[in-house]
Amino acid sequence: MNRLFLLIPVLLLLTGCLKDTVPVKQIWPTVPKELLEACPDLKQMDPKVDKLSDIIGVVSDNYALYYDCKAKVDDWVEWYNGQQKIHNGK
């Protein structure tokens, strides 16, 4: 009689383990809006401009646009790699 009381809970536990498990769907985090903005186009030179100061101004502005965009892309890569490590449990 004692064995029967032990056998019933063991059988119930084993039948619970045999059922299909519910798959866990992991959700990838959403990306911050600042990282989804496209980089602006670089400024074009007017072919009629022949002043060196105007040319230097456009080149300087383009360098600033480039480095701002580079910082954003670097942030994106850092965020993505960090989220991937968290997602993979590393």
Protein backbone atom coordinates (compact mmCIF):
# COMPACT_ATOMS: atom_id res chain seq x y z
CA MET A 1 0.00 0.00 0.00
CA ASN A 2 2.90 2.33 0.81
CA ARG A 3 4.44 1.70 -2.59
CA LEU A 4 1.20 2.58 -4.34
CA PHE A 5 1.18 6.03 -2.71
CA LEU A 6 4.73 6.59 -3.93
CA LEU A 7 4.06 5.21 -7.40
CA ILE A 8 1.10 7.49 -8.17
CA PRO A 9 2.95 10.83 -7.75
CA VAL A 10 5.95 9.49 -9.69
CA LEU A 11 3.70 8.43 -12.56
CA LEU A 12 1.96 11.82 -12.55
CA LEU A 13 5.30 13.62 -12.67
CA LEU A 14 6.55 11.44 -15.52
CA THR A 15 3.42 11.94 -17.60
CA GLY A 16 3.79 15.70 -17.15
CA CYS A 17 7.32 15.50 -18.56
CA LEU A 18 6.16 13.61 -21.63
CA LYS A 19 3.81 16.34 -22.84
CA ASP A 20 4.94 18.70 -25.57
CA THR A 21 6.73 21.69 -24.21
CA VAL A 22 5.66 25.19 -25.16
CA PRO A 23 8.34 26.86 -27.28
CA VAL A 24 9.66 30.11 -25.90
CA LYS A 25 9.83 32.86 -28.48
CA GLN A 26 12.52 35.37 -27.67
CA ILE A 27 11.79 38.87 -28.83
CA TRP A 28 14.63 40.97 -30.22
CA PRO A 29 14.64 44.42 -28.58
CA THR A 30 13.52 47.47 -30.49
CA VAL A 31 16.14 49.82 -31.83
CA PRO A 32 16.39 53.36 -30.40
CA LYS A 33 14.97 55.91 -32.86
CA GLU A 34 18.21 57.90 -32.91
CA LEU A 35 20.04 54.92 -34.41
CA LEU A 36 17.50 54.47 -37.22
CA GLU A 37 17.89 57.93 -38.72
CA ALA A 38 19.69 57.98 -42.05
CA CYS A 39 22.85 60.00 -42.45
CA PRO A 40 22.37 63.26 -44.35
CA ASP A 41 23.75 63.69 -47.83
CA LEU A 42 27.05 65.50 -48.15
CA LYS A 43 26.96 69.03 -49.52
CA GLN A 44 27.77 69.51 -53.20
CA MET A 45 29.96 72.25 -54.57
CA ASP A 46 28.46 74.80 -56.91
CA PRO A 47 30.60 74.57 -60.07
CA LYS A 48 30.48 78.35 -60.45
CA VAL A 49 32.16 78.94 -57.08
CA ASP A 50 35.84 79.69 -57.41
CA LYS A 51 36.62 81.17 -54.00
CA LEU A 52 38.87 79.00 -51.90
CA SER A 53 37.09 80.11 -48.71
CA ASP A 54 33.75 78.77 -50.04
CA ILE A 55 35.34 75.48 -51.06
CA ILE A 56 36.97 75.09 -47.64
CA GLY A 57 33.61 75.83 -46.00
CA VAL A 58 31.85 73.05 -47.90
CA VAL A 59 34.69 70.59 -47.25
CA SER A 60 34.64 71.48 -43.55
CA ASP A 61 30.86 70.98 -43.36
CA ASN A 62 31.18 67.62 -45.10
CA TYR A 63 33.82 66.49 -42.62
CA ALA A 64 31.48 67.42 -39.76
CA LEU A 65 28.59 65.51 -41.38
CA TYR A 66 30.84 62.50 -41.92
CA TYR A 67 32.08 62.36 -38.32
CA ASP A 68 28.53 62.79 -36.95
CA CYS A 69 27.37 59.91 -39.15
CA LYS A 70 30.39 57.80 -38.18
CA ALA A 71 29.59 58.30 -34.48
CA LYS A 72 25.99 57.20 -35.10
CA VAL A 73 27.08 54.08 -37.00
CA ASP A 74 29.61 53.24 -34.28
CA ASP A 75 26.85 53.58 -31.66
CA TRP A 76 24.62 51.32 -33.77
CA VAL A 77 27.31 48.63 -33.99
CA GLU A 78 28.01 48.84 -30.25
CA TRP A 79 24.28 48.63 -29.41
CA TYR A 80 23.70 45.71 -31.78
CA ASN A 81 26.67 43.71 -30.53
CA GLY A 82 25.66 44.32 -26.91
CA GLN A 83 22.08 43.19 -27.58
CA GLN A 84 23.34 40.11 -29.41
CA LYS A 85 25.51 39.14 -26.42
CA ILE A 86 22.54 39.58 -24.07
CA HIS A 87 20.27 37.62 -26.43
CA ASN A 88 22.76 34.75 -26.69
CA GLY A 89 23.36 34.76 -22.95
CA LYS A 90 27.05 35.58 -23.04
